[in-house]
């Protein structure tokens, strides 16, 4: 079985990084719960929205992301049993190419560079399973689509859902 796994909001916690940076820069108290059903930039005053959108263009943003709980352990097990590829739309943010590769080297060294797809559109992926937080990527996938819960997608109901990596383990191991 071939499994494709997205990075941001599935392996790497970009959502909370946006909140942490925003709170630090604007001395705010925004929480993940404040944002349920929306992107972080949609939860702040209009004058601050572009600042949040610009986070992903900052050097170091992707390199410094925290690991989503249990992703390392479950992906290690999946990788021993199946063909696991990391598929990230890294081309959207040019700084992210190197940073995402370095981040994977640090936290997921068992997934070699040959199994990392840093691409644009994910509709090119052909395999059995895609785990992603974005419905736009899952809609075009021809295999089993699993939406990984992130605050921005809590109202999405079109796909099989996994709330966390322990649920991924239950579904695929």
C-alpha atoms as a PDB file:
ATOM      1  CA  UNK A   1       0.000   0.000   0.000  1.00  0.00           C
ATOM      2  CA  UNK A   2       1.204   3.504  -0.840  1.00  0.00           C
ATOM      3  CA  UNK A   3       0.395   6.245   1.671  1.00  0.00           C
ATOM      4  CA  UNK A   4       0.932   9.964   1.068  1.00  0.00           C
ATOM      5  CA  UNK A   5       1.102  12.220   4.114  1.00  0.00           C
ATOM      6  CA  UNK A   6       0.870  15.998   4.091  1.00  0.00           C
ATOM      7  CA  UNK A   7       3.231  17.965   6.354  1.00  0.00           C
ATOM      8  CA  UNK A   8       1.620  21.207   7.551  1.00  0.00           C
ATOM      9  CA  UNK A   9      -1.171  20.571  10.044  1.00  0.00           C
ATOM     10  CA  UNK A  10      -0.649  16.813   9.755  1.00  0.00           C
ATOM     11  CA  UNK A  11       2.972  16.307  10.803  1.00  0.00           C
ATOM     12  CA  UNK A  12       4.034  19.899  11.578  1.00  0.00           C
ATOM     13  CA  UNK A  13       1.957  22.293  13.679  1.00  0.00           C
ATOM     14  CA  UNK A  14       1.814  25.412  11.517  1.00  0.00           C
ATOM     15  CA  UNK A  15      -1.604  26.458  12.830  1.00  0.00           C
ATOM     16  CA  UNK A  16      -0.427  26.991  16.405  1.00  0.00           C
ATOM     17  CA  UNK A  17       2.769  28.601  15.113  1.00  0.00           C
ATOM     18  CA  UNK A  18       0.674  31.289  13.421  1.00  0.00           C
ATOM     19  CA  UNK A  19      -1.201  31.890  16.678  1.00  0.00           C
ATOM     20  CA  UNK A  20       1.985  32.023  18.766  1.00  0.00           C
ATOM     21  CA  UNK A  21       3.678  34.502  16.416  1.00  0.00           C
ATOM     22  CA  UNK A  22       0.555  36.657  16.239  1.00  0.00           C
ATOM     23  CA  UNK A  23       0.133  36.716  20.034  1.00  0.00           C
ATOM     24  CA  UNK A  24       3.776  37.620  20.527  1.00  0.00           C
ATOM     25  CA  UNK A  25       3.822  40.381  17.912  1.00  0.00           C
ATOM     26  CA  UNK A  26       0.491  41.964  18.861  1.00  0.00           C
ATOM     27  CA  UNK A  27       0.457  41.143  22.589  1.00  0.00           C
ATOM     28  CA  UNK A  28      -2.791  39.251  21.965  1.00  0.00           C
ATOM     29  CA  UNK A  29      -4.470  36.251  23.588  1.00  0.00           C
ATOM     30  CA  UNK A  30      -5.799  34.430  20.517  1.00  0.00           C
ATOM     31  CA  UNK A  31      -6.389  30.705  21.068  1.00  0.00           C
ATOM     32  CA  UNK A  32      -6.938  27.735  18.797  1.00  0.00           C
ATOM     33  CA  UNK A  33     -10.491  27.478  20.123  1.00  0.00           C
ATOM     34  CA  UNK A  34     -11.158  31.070  19.009  1.00  0.00           C
ATOM     35  CA  UNK A  35     -10.426  29.983  15.450  1.00  0.00           C
ATOM     36  CA  UNK A  36     -12.526  26.821  15.073  1.00  0.00           C
ATOM     37  CA  UNK A  37     -13.839  26.594  11.533  1.00  0.00           C
ATOM     38  CA  UNK A  38     -11.581  29.346  10.206  1.00  0.00           C
ATOM     39  CA  UNK A  39      -8.032  30.124   9.188  1.00  0.00           C
ATOM     40  CA  UNK A  40      -6.006  32.054  11.773  1.00  0.00           C
ATOM     41  CA  UNK A  41      -5.879  35.154   9.572  1.00  0.00           C
ATOM     42  CA  UNK A  42      -9.686  35.191   9.528  1.00  0.00           C
ATOM     43  CA  UNK A  43      -9.769  35.506  13.326  1.00  0.00           C
ATOM     44  CA  UNK A  44      -7.870  38.758  13.722  1.00  0.00           C
ATOM     45  CA  UNK A  45      -8.595  42.396  12.899  1.00  0.00           C
ATOM     46  CA  UNK A  46      -8.385  43.173   9.196  1.00  0.00           C
ATOM     47  CA  UNK A  47      -5.331  45.376   9.795  1.00  0.00           C
ATOM     48  CA  UNK A  48      -3.406  42.291  11.053  1.00  0.00           C
ATOM     49  CA  UNK A  49      -4.524  39.713   8.489  1.00  0.00           C
ATOM     50  CA  UNK A  50      -1.693  40.267   5.998  1.00  0.00           C
ATOM     51  CA  UNK A  51       0.860  39.891   8.778  1.00  0.00           C
ATOM     52  CA  UNK A  52      -0.385  36.363   9.449  1.00  0.00           C
ATOM     53  CA  UNK A  53      -0.448  35.508   5.740  1.00  0.00           C
ATOM     54  CA  UNK A  54       3.183  36.652   5.552  1.00  0.00           C
ATOM     55  CA  UNK A  55       4.389  34.269   8.298  1.00  0.00           C
ATOM     56  CA  UNK A  56       4.934  31.496   5.753  1.00  0.00           C
ATOM     57  CA  UNK A  57       7.312  33.698   3.775  1.00  0.00           C
ATOM     58  CA  UNK A  58       9.596  34.271   6.755  1.00  0.00           C
ATOM     59  CA  UNK A  59      12.930  32.527   6.906  1.00  0.00           C
ATOM     60  CA  UNK A  60      12.740  29.948   9.695  1.00  0.00           C
ATOM     61  CA  UNK A  61       8.960  29.584   9.869  1.00  0.00           C
ATOM     62  CA  UNK A  62       8.845  25.992   8.596  1.00  0.00           C
ATOM     63  CA  UNK A  63      12.116  24.972  10.223  1.00  0.00           C
ATOM     64  CA  UNK A  64      10.826  25.853  13.699  1.00  0.00           C
ATOM     65  CA  UNK A  65       7.436  24.106  13.628  1.00  0.00           C
ATOM     66  CA  UNK A  66       6.541  21.715  16.427  1.00  0.00           C
ATOM     67  CA  UNK A  67       5.801  18.070  15.674  1.00  0.00           C
ATOM     68  CA  UNK A  68       2.139  16.975  15.818  1.00  0.00           C
ATOM     69  CA  UNK A  69       1.805  14.554  18.782  1.00  0.00           C
ATOM     70  CA  UNK A  70       2.294  10.856  18.012  1.00  0.00           C
ATOM     71  CA  UNK A  71       3.087  11.468  14.337  1.00  0.00           C
ATOM     72  CA  UNK A  72       6.673  10.257  14.659  1.00  0.00           C
ATOM     73  CA  UNK A  73       5.777   6.972  16.312  1.00  0.00           C
ATOM     74  CA  UNK A  74       2.821   6.155  14.062  1.00  0.00           C
ATOM     75  CA  UNK A  75       4.637   7.147  10.868  1.00  0.00           C
ATOM     76  CA  UNK A  76       7.613   5.012  11.881  1.00  0.00           C
ATOM     77  CA  UNK A  77       5.274   2.003  12.196  1.00  0.00           C
ATOM     78  CA  UNK A  78       3.449   2.802   8.954  1.00  0.00           C
ATOM     79  CA  UNK A  79       6.791   3.188   7.178  1.00  0.00           C
ATOM     80  CA  UNK A  80       7.855  -0.292   8.300  1.00  0.00           C
ATOM     81  CA  UNK A  81       4.671  -1.811   6.902  1.00  0.00           C
ATOM     82  CA  UNK A  82       3.874   0.317   3.801  1.00  0.00           C
ATOM     83  CA  UNK A  83       5.341   2.680   1.222  1.00  0.00           C
ATOM     84  CA  UNK A  84       5.073   6.062   2.965  1.00  0.00           C
ATOM     85  CA  UNK A  85       5.723   9.324   1.129  1.00  0.00           C
ATOM     86  CA  UNK A  86       5.593  12.835   2.508  1.00  0.00           C
ATOM     87  CA  UNK A  87       3.745  15.060   0.017  1.00  0.00           C
ATOM     88  CA  UNK A  88       3.799  18.768   0.734  1.00  0.00           C
ATOM     89  CA  UNK A  89       2.809  21.708  -1.455  1.00  0.00           C
ATOM     90  CA  UNK A  90       6.121  23.375  -0.683  1.00  0.00           C
ATOM     91  CA  UNK A  91       6.406  25.197  -3.980  1.00  0.00           C
ATOM     92  CA  UNK A  92       3.920  27.788  -2.743  1.00  0.00           C
ATOM     93  CA  UNK A  93       6.517  29.085  -0.254  1.00  0.00           C
ATOM     94  CA  UNK A  94      10.049  28.969  -1.730  1.00  0.00           C
ATOM     95  CA  UNK A  95      11.823  29.255   1.658  1.00  0.00           C
ATOM     96  CA  UNK A  96       9.992  26.159   2.777  1.00  0.00           C
ATOM     97  CA  UNK A  97      11.743  23.763   0.392  1.00  0.00           C
ATOM     98  CA  UNK A  98      15.003  23.636   2.335  1.00  0.00           C
ATOM     99  CA  UNK A  99      13.377  24.176   5.715  1.00  0.00           C
ATOM    100  CA  UNK A 100      10.899  21.344   5.244  1.00  0.00           C
ATOM    101  CA  UNK A 101      13.627  18.986   4.112  1.00  0.00           C
ATOM    102  CA  UNK A 102      15.800  19.923   7.102  1.00  0.00           C
ATOM    103  CA  UNK A 103      12.809  19.552   9.441  1.00  0.00           C
ATOM    104  CA  UNK A 104      12.109  16.072   8.073  1.00  0.00           C
ATOM    105  CA  UNK A 105      15.785  15.130   8.506  1.00  0.00           C
ATOM    106  CA  UNK A 106      15.557  16.162  12.149  1.00  0.00           C
ATOM    107  CA  UNK A 107      12.206  14.685  13.149  1.00  0.00           C
ATOM    108  CA  UNK A 108      11.513  11.961  10.564  1.00  0.00           C
ATOM    109  CA  UNK A 109      14.933  10.665   9.489  1.00  0.00           C
ATOM    110  CA  UNK A 110      13.403   7.265   8.711  1.00  0.00           C
ATOM    111  CA  UNK A 111      11.621   8.838   5.717  1.00  0.00           C
ATOM    112  CA  UNK A 112      14.490   9.361   3.249  1.00  0.00           C
ATOM    113  CA  UNK A 113      14.716  12.188   0.737  1.00  0.00           C
ATOM    114  CA  UNK A 114      13.680   9.775  -2.025  1.00  0.00           C
ATOM    115  CA  UNK A 115      10.224   9.537  -0.391  1.00  0.00           C
ATOM    116  CA  UNK A 116       9.652  13.275  -0.059  1.00  0.00           C
ATOM    117  CA  UNK A 117       7.508  14.970  -2.649  1.00  0.00           C
ATOM    118  CA  UNK A 118       7.718  18.745  -2.358  1.00  0.00           C
ATOM    119  CA  UNK A 119       5.326  19.774  -5.081  1.00  0.00           C
ATOM    120  CA  UNK A 120       2.688  22.203  -6.269  1.00  0.00           C
ATOM    121  CA  UNK A 121      -0.665  20.538  -6.925  1.00  0.00           C
ATOM    122  CA  UNK A 122      -1.296  17.196  -5.271  1.00  0.00           C
ATOM    123  CA  UNK A 123      -3.668  15.917  -7.951  1.00  0.00           C
ATOM    124  CA  UNK A 124      -0.613  14.227  -9.511  1.00  0.00           C
ATOM    125  CA  UNK A 125      -0.402  11.775  -6.591  1.00  0.00           C
ATOM    126  CA  UNK A 126      -1.435   8.223  -7.415  1.00  0.00           C
ATOM    127  CA  UNK A 127      -1.627   5.788  -4.531  1.00  0.00           C
ATOM    128  CA  UNK A 128      -3.862   4.154  -1.968  1.00  0.00           C
ATOM    129  CA  UNK A 129      -4.203   6.697   0.858  1.00  0.00           C
ATOM    130  CA  UNK A 130      -3.783  10.459   1.240  1.00  0.00           C
ATOM    131  CA  UNK A 131      -3.766  11.986   4.724  1.00  0.00           C
ATOM    132  CA  UNK A 132      -4.200  15.757   4.442  1.00  0.00           C
ATOM    133  CA  UNK A 133      -5.867  18.647   6.266  1.00  0.00           C
ATOM    134  CA  UNK A 134      -7.003  20.401   3.071  1.00  0.00           C
ATOM    135  CA  UNK A 135     -10.161  19.214   1.328  1.00  0.00           C
ATOM    136  CA  UNK A 136      -8.945  20.741  -1.971  1.00  0.00           C
ATOM    137  CA  UNK A 137      -6.178  18.114  -2.015  1.00  0.00           C
ATOM    138  CA  UNK A 138      -8.445  15.268  -0.964  1.00  0.00           C
ATOM    139  CA  UNK A 139     -11.141  16.020  -3.575  1.00  0.00           C
ATOM    140  CA  UNK A 140      -8.771  15.235  -6.443  1.00  0.00           C
ATOM    141  CA  UNK A 141      -7.219  12.104  -4.908  1.00  0.00           C
ATOM    142  CA  UNK A 142      -8.489   8.850  -6.410  1.00  0.00           C
ATOM    143  CA  UNK A 143      -7.660   6.628  -3.437  1.00  0.00           C
ATOM    144  CA  UNK A 144      -8.794   6.649   0.186  1.00  0.00           C
ATOM    145  CA  UNK A 145      -8.896  10.222   1.485  1.00  0.00           C
ATOM    146  CA  UNK A 146      -8.479  10.888   5.206  1.00  0.00           C
ATOM    147  CA  UNK A 147      -8.877  14.436   6.456  1.00  0.00           C
ATOM    148  CA  UNK A 148      -6.656  15.159   9.431  1.00  0.00           C
ATOM    149  CA  UNK A 149      -8.413  17.461  11.864  1.00  0.00           C
ATOM    150  CA  UNK A 150      -7.161  21.020  12.125  1.00  0.00           C
ATOM    151  CA  UNK A 151      -9.165  23.965  13.490  1.00  0.00           C
ATOM    152  CA  UNK A 152      -9.755  25.314   9.979  1.00  0.00           C
ATOM    153  CA  UNK A 153     -11.462  22.102   8.759  1.00  0.00           C
ATOM    154  CA  UNK A 154     -13.670  21.124  11.707  1.00  0.00           C
ATOM    155  CA  UNK A 155     -16.838  21.749   9.668  1.00  0.00           C
ATOM    156  CA  UNK A 156     -15.695  19.722   6.645  1.00  0.00           C
ATOM    157  CA  UNK A 157     -17.771  16.548   6.387  1.00  0.00           C
ATOM    158  CA  UNK A 158     -16.933  15.210   2.923  1.00  0.00           C
ATOM    159  CA  UNK A 159     -14.203  12.776   4.011  1.00  0.00           C
ATOM    160  CA  UNK A 160     -13.249  10.078   6.437  1.00  0.00           C
ATOM    161  CA  UNK A 161     -11.756  11.943   9.410  1.00  0.00           C
ATOM    162  CA  UNK A 162      -8.883  11.315  11.795  1.00  0.00           C
ATOM    163  CA  UNK A 163      -8.735  13.535  14.870  1.00  0.00           C
ATOM    164  CA  UNK A 164      -5.139  12.596  15.670  1.00  0.00           C
ATOM    165  CA  UNK A 165      -2.336  10.161  14.904  1.00  0.00           C
ATOM    166  CA  UNK A 166      -3.643   7.510  17.275  1.00  0.00           C
ATOM    167  CA  UNK A 167      -6.780   7.344  15.124  1.00  0.00           C
ATOM    168  CA  UNK A 168      -4.589   7.033  12.008  1.00  0.00           C
ATOM    169  CA  UNK A 169      -2.882   4.075  13.694  1.00  0.00           C
ATOM    170  CA  UNK A 170      -6.281   2.458  14.383  1.00  0.00           C
ATOM    171  CA  UNK A 171      -7.321   2.917  10.757  1.00  0.00           C
ATOM    172  CA  UNK A 172      -4.116   1.817   9.013  1.00  0.00           C
ATOM    173  CA  UNK A 173      -2.046  -0.420  11.297  1.00  0.00           C
END
